[in-house]
């Protein structure tokens, strides 16, 4: 899958970020064979956009904040591209296109988490969840991912599957209260 980095991104791109992007791409077979432009953003964690010319898709663009980038953010932005591709070219009536990933930020979070556990390294931005779940994300990530997979299955019969999912996530912290932990000491290597 060809990647093109913008000049500004080339200046800021770290080996870690490039490896994370390249490792994420195989989980998005819908983007196979498409050229993706990767740019830099400073304001948000990331963004995605699709360029059109004469109603046809011409460019797929994601922008990432390189500092502290996570697989969840990369996956979220790539899922936005999948959402855009599902809508297709603008000249095709929207009723004629079968949406695989519905548009919307919460839907994007759900489908990103469900895609693979790789994208569960950080809590999603848009799904509503209790503070305890967000703060102790590693303890809840697998359970939330399983609920996202279940929510996608429920979507066929439940119109309000997102509300169902958020209620179930809220129940997680009540079902599985974790012991309180005090602040942890950060250990840094001693270097002469």
C-alpha atoms as a PDB file:
ATOM      1  CA  UNK A   1       0.000   0.000   0.000  1.00  0.00           C
ATOM      2  CA  UNK A   2       1.725   3.196  -1.121  1.00  0.00           C
ATOM      3  CA  UNK A   3       2.209   5.939   1.444  1.00  0.00           C
ATOM      4  CA  UNK A   4       3.194   9.489   0.593  1.00  0.00           C
ATOM      5  CA  UNK A   5       4.407  11.740   3.385  1.00  0.00           C
ATOM      6  CA  UNK A   6       3.971  15.487   3.097  1.00  0.00           C
ATOM      7  CA  UNK A   7       7.172  17.575   3.319  1.00  0.00           C
ATOM      8  CA  UNK A   8       6.257  18.819   6.809  1.00  0.00           C
ATOM      9  CA  UNK A   9       5.529  15.267   7.969  1.00  0.00           C
ATOM     10  CA  UNK A  10       8.870  14.062   6.561  1.00  0.00           C
ATOM     11  CA  UNK A  11      10.632  16.584   8.802  1.00  0.00           C
ATOM     12  CA  UNK A  12       8.768  15.446  11.937  1.00  0.00           C
ATOM     13  CA  UNK A  13       8.255  11.744  11.218  1.00  0.00           C
ATOM     14  CA  UNK A  14       9.882   9.421  13.726  1.00  0.00           C
ATOM     15  CA  UNK A  15      10.826   5.815  13.098  1.00  0.00           C
ATOM     16  CA  UNK A  16       8.313   4.805  15.769  1.00  0.00           C
ATOM     17  CA  UNK A  17       5.421   6.662  14.093  1.00  0.00           C
ATOM     18  CA  UNK A  18       6.279   5.332  10.637  1.00  0.00           C
ATOM     19  CA  UNK A  19       6.461   1.772  11.969  1.00  0.00           C
ATOM     20  CA  UNK A  20       3.094   2.184  13.704  1.00  0.00           C
ATOM     21  CA  UNK A  21       1.440   3.464  10.518  1.00  0.00           C
ATOM     22  CA  UNK A  22       2.904   0.655   8.424  1.00  0.00           C
ATOM     23  CA  UNK A  23       1.902  -1.946  11.019  1.00  0.00           C
ATOM     24  CA  UNK A  24      -1.689  -0.634  11.064  1.00  0.00           C
ATOM     25  CA  UNK A  25      -2.279  -0.689   7.302  1.00  0.00           C
ATOM     26  CA  UNK A  26      -2.633  -4.484   6.816  1.00  0.00           C
ATOM     27  CA  UNK A  27      -5.716  -4.401   9.076  1.00  0.00           C
ATOM     28  CA  UNK A  28      -7.469  -2.243   6.464  1.00  0.00           C
ATOM     29  CA  UNK A  29      -7.815  -4.392   3.334  1.00  0.00           C
ATOM     30  CA  UNK A  30     -10.375  -1.885   1.994  1.00  0.00           C
ATOM     31  CA  UNK A  31      -7.481   0.533   1.475  1.00  0.00           C
ATOM     32  CA  UNK A  32      -5.305  -2.010  -0.349  1.00  0.00           C
ATOM     33  CA  UNK A  33      -3.849  -0.536  -3.537  1.00  0.00           C
ATOM     34  CA  UNK A  34      -4.911   3.019  -2.647  1.00  0.00           C
ATOM     35  CA  UNK A  35      -2.373   5.800  -2.231  1.00  0.00           C
ATOM     36  CA  UNK A  36      -2.608   7.437   1.185  1.00  0.00           C
ATOM     37  CA  UNK A  37      -1.085  10.822   1.908  1.00  0.00           C
ATOM     38  CA  UNK A  38       0.099  11.210   5.509  1.00  0.00           C
ATOM     39  CA  UNK A  39       0.418  14.737   6.813  1.00  0.00           C
ATOM     40  CA  UNK A  40       1.070  16.440  10.122  1.00  0.00           C
ATOM     41  CA  UNK A  41      -1.429  18.138  12.397  1.00  0.00           C
ATOM     42  CA  UNK A  42      -0.697  20.136  15.511  1.00  0.00           C
ATOM     43  CA  UNK A  43      -4.202  20.943  16.760  1.00  0.00           C
ATOM     44  CA  UNK A  44      -5.871  17.527  17.032  1.00  0.00           C
ATOM     45  CA  UNK A  45      -4.730  13.960  17.581  1.00  0.00           C
ATOM     46  CA  UNK A  46      -5.525  13.321  13.945  1.00  0.00           C
ATOM     47  CA  UNK A  47      -7.852  13.970  11.038  1.00  0.00           C
ATOM     48  CA  UNK A  48      -8.838  12.322   7.788  1.00  0.00           C
ATOM     49  CA  UNK A  49     -10.166  13.704   4.540  1.00  0.00           C
ATOM     50  CA  UNK A  50     -10.948  12.547   1.052  1.00  0.00           C
ATOM     51  CA  UNK A  51     -10.200  14.676  -1.989  1.00  0.00           C
ATOM     52  CA  UNK A  52     -12.643  14.777  -4.877  1.00  0.00           C
ATOM     53  CA  UNK A  53     -12.215  15.986  -8.442  1.00  0.00           C
ATOM     54  CA  UNK A  54     -15.253  16.112 -10.712  1.00  0.00           C
ATOM     55  CA  UNK A  55     -17.152  14.000  -8.165  1.00  0.00           C
ATOM     56  CA  UNK A  56     -14.625  11.146  -8.128  1.00  0.00           C
ATOM     57  CA  UNK A  57     -12.317  10.254  -5.223  1.00  0.00           C
ATOM     58  CA  UNK A  58      -8.772  11.375  -6.041  1.00  0.00           C
ATOM     59  CA  UNK A  59      -6.921  11.525  -2.700  1.00  0.00           C
ATOM     60  CA  UNK A  60      -7.021   9.823   0.680  1.00  0.00           C
ATOM     61  CA  UNK A  61      -5.389  11.940   3.377  1.00  0.00           C
ATOM     62  CA  UNK A  62      -4.750  11.422   7.065  1.00  0.00           C
ATOM     63  CA  UNK A  63      -3.022  13.892   9.338  1.00  0.00           C
ATOM     64  CA  UNK A  64      -1.472  12.804  12.616  1.00  0.00           C
ATOM     65  CA  UNK A  65       0.176  14.424  15.585  1.00  0.00           C
ATOM     66  CA  UNK A  66       3.466  12.527  15.648  1.00  0.00           C
ATOM     67  CA  UNK A  67       4.190  13.189  19.295  1.00  0.00           C
ATOM     68  CA  UNK A  68       2.555  10.472  21.414  1.00  0.00           C
ATOM     69  CA  UNK A  69       0.686   8.973  18.444  1.00  0.00           C
ATOM     70  CA  UNK A  70      -1.263   5.813  19.300  1.00  0.00           C
ATOM     71  CA  UNK A  71      -2.524   2.880  17.272  1.00  0.00           C
ATOM     72  CA  UNK A  72      -6.037   3.905  18.291  1.00  0.00           C
ATOM     73  CA  UNK A  73      -5.621   7.312  16.631  1.00  0.00           C
ATOM     74  CA  UNK A  74      -4.061   5.829  13.500  1.00  0.00           C
ATOM     75  CA  UNK A  75      -6.789   3.194  13.273  1.00  0.00           C
ATOM     76  CA  UNK A  76      -9.501   5.789  13.869  1.00  0.00           C
ATOM     77  CA  UNK A  77      -8.271   7.967  10.995  1.00  0.00           C
ATOM     78  CA  UNK A  78      -7.871   4.986   8.656  1.00  0.00           C
ATOM     79  CA  UNK A  79     -11.431   3.929   9.546  1.00  0.00           C
ATOM     80  CA  UNK A  80     -12.590   7.402   8.476  1.00  0.00           C
ATOM     81  CA  UNK A  81     -11.038   6.713   5.073  1.00  0.00           C
ATOM     82  CA  UNK A  82     -12.934   3.409   4.913  1.00  0.00           C
ATOM     83  CA  UNK A  83     -16.126   5.306   5.779  1.00  0.00           C
ATOM     84  CA  UNK A  84     -15.462   7.725   2.924  1.00  0.00           C
ATOM     85  CA  UNK A  85     -14.718   4.940   0.456  1.00  0.00           C
ATOM     86  CA  UNK A  86     -17.959   3.196   1.462  1.00  0.00           C
ATOM     87  CA  UNK A  87     -19.850   6.299   0.353  1.00  0.00           C
ATOM     88  CA  UNK A  88     -18.024   6.146  -2.962  1.00  0.00           C
ATOM     89  CA  UNK A  89     -17.807   8.767  -5.635  1.00  0.00           C
ATOM     90  CA  UNK A  90     -20.160  11.728  -5.268  1.00  0.00           C
ATOM     91  CA  UNK A  91     -21.894  11.106  -8.583  1.00  0.00           C
ATOM     92  CA  UNK A  92     -23.201   7.719  -7.365  1.00  0.00           C
ATOM     93  CA  UNK A  93     -26.515   8.152  -5.481  1.00  0.00           C
ATOM     94  CA  UNK A  94     -25.959   7.479  -1.785  1.00  0.00           C
ATOM     95  CA  UNK A  95     -28.875   5.015  -1.698  1.00  0.00           C
ATOM     96  CA  UNK A  96     -27.021   2.845  -4.214  1.00  0.00           C
ATOM     97  CA  UNK A  97     -23.962   2.461  -1.962  1.00  0.00           C
ATOM     98  CA  UNK A  98     -23.977  -0.240   0.725  1.00  0.00           C
ATOM     99  CA  UNK A  99     -22.399   1.282   3.853  1.00  0.00           C
ATOM    100  CA  UNK A 100     -20.122  -1.167   5.602  1.00  0.00           C
ATOM    101  CA  UNK A 101     -18.921   1.294   8.227  1.00  0.00           C
ATOM    102  CA  UNK A 102     -21.579   3.917   8.946  1.00  0.00           C
ATOM    103  CA  UNK A 103     -20.427   7.508   9.083  1.00  0.00           C
ATOM    104  CA  UNK A 104     -19.959   9.255  12.405  1.00  0.00           C
ATOM    105  CA  UNK A 105     -17.312   9.621  15.085  1.00  0.00           C
ATOM    106  CA  UNK A 106     -18.769   7.143  17.571  1.00  0.00           C
ATOM    107  CA  UNK A 107     -19.279   4.597  14.794  1.00  0.00           C
ATOM    108  CA  UNK A 108     -15.654   5.134  13.802  1.00  0.00           C
ATOM    109  CA  UNK A 109     -14.519   4.407  17.378  1.00  0.00           C
ATOM    110  CA  UNK A 110     -16.638   1.237  17.516  1.00  0.00           C
ATOM    111  CA  UNK A 111     -15.399  -0.197  14.220  1.00  0.00           C
ATOM    112  CA  UNK A 112     -11.774   0.722  15.009  1.00  0.00           C
ATOM    113  CA  UNK A 113     -11.805  -1.079  18.367  1.00  0.00           C
ATOM    114  CA  UNK A 114     -13.584  -4.083  16.838  1.00  0.00           C
ATOM    115  CA  UNK A 115     -11.088  -4.369  13.963  1.00  0.00           C
ATOM    116  CA  UNK A 116      -8.186  -5.673  16.064  1.00  0.00           C
ATOM    117  CA  UNK A 117      -6.850  -5.543  19.619  1.00  0.00           C
ATOM    118  CA  UNK A 118      -3.852  -3.591  18.253  1.00  0.00           C
ATOM    119  CA  UNK A 119      -6.074  -0.493  18.203  1.00  0.00           C
ATOM    120  CA  UNK A 120      -6.957  -0.820  21.904  1.00  0.00           C
ATOM    121  CA  UNK A 121      -3.771   0.803  23.176  1.00  0.00           C
ATOM    122  CA  UNK A 122      -5.604   4.002  24.149  1.00  0.00           C
ATOM    123  CA  UNK A 123      -9.247   4.706  25.068  1.00  0.00           C
ATOM    124  CA  UNK A 124     -11.478   5.921  22.250  1.00  0.00           C
ATOM    125  CA  UNK A 125     -12.169   9.635  22.118  1.00  0.00           C
ATOM    126  CA  UNK A 126     -15.862   9.772  21.251  1.00  0.00           C
ATOM    127  CA  UNK A 127     -17.526   6.844  23.023  1.00  0.00           C
ATOM    128  CA  UNK A 128     -19.001   7.793  26.376  1.00  0.00           C
ATOM    129  CA  UNK A 129     -17.556   5.798  29.228  1.00  0.00           C
ATOM    130  CA  UNK A 130     -17.109   6.168  32.973  1.00  0.00           C
ATOM    131  CA  UNK A 131     -14.017   7.880  34.231  1.00  0.00           C
ATOM    132  CA  UNK A 132     -12.832   4.657  35.893  1.00  0.00           C
ATOM    133  CA  UNK A 133     -12.861   2.831  32.540  1.00  0.00           C
ATOM    134  CA  UNK A 134     -11.013   5.653  30.786  1.00  0.00           C
ATOM    135  CA  UNK A 135      -8.411   6.040  33.548  1.00  0.00           C
ATOM    136  CA  UNK A 136      -7.817   2.286  33.885  1.00  0.00           C
ATOM    137  CA  UNK A 137      -8.116   1.564  30.149  1.00  0.00           C
ATOM    138  CA  UNK A 138      -5.658  -1.375  30.011  1.00  0.00           C
ATOM    139  CA  UNK A 139      -7.829  -3.227  32.553  1.00  0.00           C
ATOM    140  CA  UNK A 140     -11.000  -2.708  30.520  1.00  0.00           C
ATOM    141  CA  UNK A 141      -9.766  -2.594  26.903  1.00  0.00           C
ATOM    142  CA  UNK A 142     -10.478  -6.227  26.044  1.00  0.00           C
ATOM    143  CA  UNK A 143     -13.982  -6.118  27.546  1.00  0.00           C
ATOM    144  CA  UNK A 144     -14.821  -2.884  25.709  1.00  0.00           C
ATOM    145  CA  UNK A 145     -13.545  -4.379  22.450  1.00  0.00           C
ATOM    146  CA  UNK A 146     -15.786  -7.432  22.920  1.00  0.00           C
ATOM    147  CA  UNK A 147     -18.741  -5.116  23.549  1.00  0.00           C
ATOM    148  CA  UNK A 148     -17.938  -3.184  20.342  1.00  0.00           C
ATOM    149  CA  UNK A 149     -17.980  -6.446  18.374  1.00  0.00           C
ATOM    150  CA  UNK A 150     -21.316  -7.321  19.983  1.00  0.00           C
ATOM    151  CA  UNK A 151     -22.694  -3.848  19.206  1.00  0.00           C
ATOM    152  CA  UNK A 152     -21.870  -4.275  15.516  1.00  0.00           C
ATOM    153  CA  UNK A 153     -23.760  -7.579  15.566  1.00  0.00           C
ATOM    154  CA  UNK A 154     -26.692  -5.908  17.376  1.00  0.00           C
ATOM    155  CA  UNK A 155     -26.793  -3.154  14.754  1.00  0.00           C
ATOM    156  CA  UNK A 156     -28.748  -5.447  12.413  1.00  0.00           C
ATOM    157  CA  UNK A 157     -31.665  -5.607  14.865  1.00  0.00           C
ATOM    158  CA  UNK A 158     -31.203  -2.627  17.194  1.00  0.00           C
ATOM    159  CA  UNK A 159     -31.377   0.861  15.839  1.00  0.00           C
ATOM    160  CA  UNK A 160     -29.963   2.277  19.075  1.00  0.00           C
ATOM    161  CA  UNK A 161     -26.944  -0.023  19.258  1.00  0.00           C
ATOM    162  CA  UNK A 162     -24.602   2.834  20.244  1.00  0.00           C
ATOM    163  CA  UNK A 163     -26.714   3.692  23.284  1.00  0.00           C
ATOM    164  CA  UNK A 164     -26.827  -0.018  24.148  1.00  0.00           C
ATOM    165  CA  UNK A 165     -23.025  -0.155  23.903  1.00  0.00           C
ATOM    166  CA  UNK A 166     -22.488   2.886  26.119  1.00  0.00           C
ATOM    167  CA  UNK A 167     -24.844   1.462  28.778  1.00  0.00           C
ATOM    168  CA  UNK A 168     -22.956  -1.853  28.704  1.00  0.00           C
ATOM    169  CA  UNK A 169     -19.594  -0.060  29.007  1.00  0.00           C
ATOM    170  CA  UNK A 170     -20.963   1.843  31.996  1.00  0.00           C
ATOM    171  CA  UNK A 171     -21.927  -1.465  33.612  1.00  0.00           C
ATOM    172  CA  UNK A 172     -18.339  -2.734  33.273  1.00  0.00           C
ATOM    173  CA  UNK A 173     -16.988  -0.505  36.016  1.00  0.00           C
ATOM    174  CA  UNK A 174     -19.841  -1.547  38.329  1.00  0.00           C
ATOM    175  CA  UNK A 175     -19.341  -5.264  37.601  1.00  0.00           C
ATOM    176  CA  UNK A 176     -15.596  -5.284  37.909  1.00  0.00           C
ATOM    177  CA  UNK A 177     -14.480  -2.699  40.451  1.00  0.00           C
ATOM    178  CA  UNK A 178     -10.724  -2.675  40.528  1.00  0.00           C
ATOM    179  CA  UNK A 179      -8.715  -2.131  43.685  1.00  0.00           C
ATOM    180  CA  UNK A 180      -7.638   1.420  44.265  1.00  0.00           C
ATOM    181  CA  UNK A 181      -4.060   2.100  43.364  1.00  0.00           C
ATOM    182  CA  UNK A 182      -1.984   4.886  44.729  1.00  0.00           C
ATOM    183  CA  UNK A 183       0.281   6.945  42.541  1.00  0.00           C
ATOM    184  CA  UNK A 184       3.070   4.924  41.016  1.00  0.00           C
ATOM    185  CA  UNK A 185       6.711   5.888  41.203  1.00  0.00           C
ATOM    186  CA  UNK A 186       8.253   6.545  37.817  1.00  0.00           C
ATOM    187  CA  UNK A 187      11.612   4.805  37.553  1.00  0.00           C
ATOM    188  CA  UNK A 188      14.126   6.212  35.121  1.00  0.00           C
ATOM    189  CA  UNK A 189      17.450   4.613  34.334  1.00  0.00           C
ATOM    190  CA  UNK A 190      20.396   6.167  36.106  1.00  0.00           C
ATOM    191  CA  UNK A 191      22.894   7.349  33.490  1.00  0.00           C
ATOM    192  CA  UNK A 192      26.350   8.754  34.192  1.00  0.00           C
END
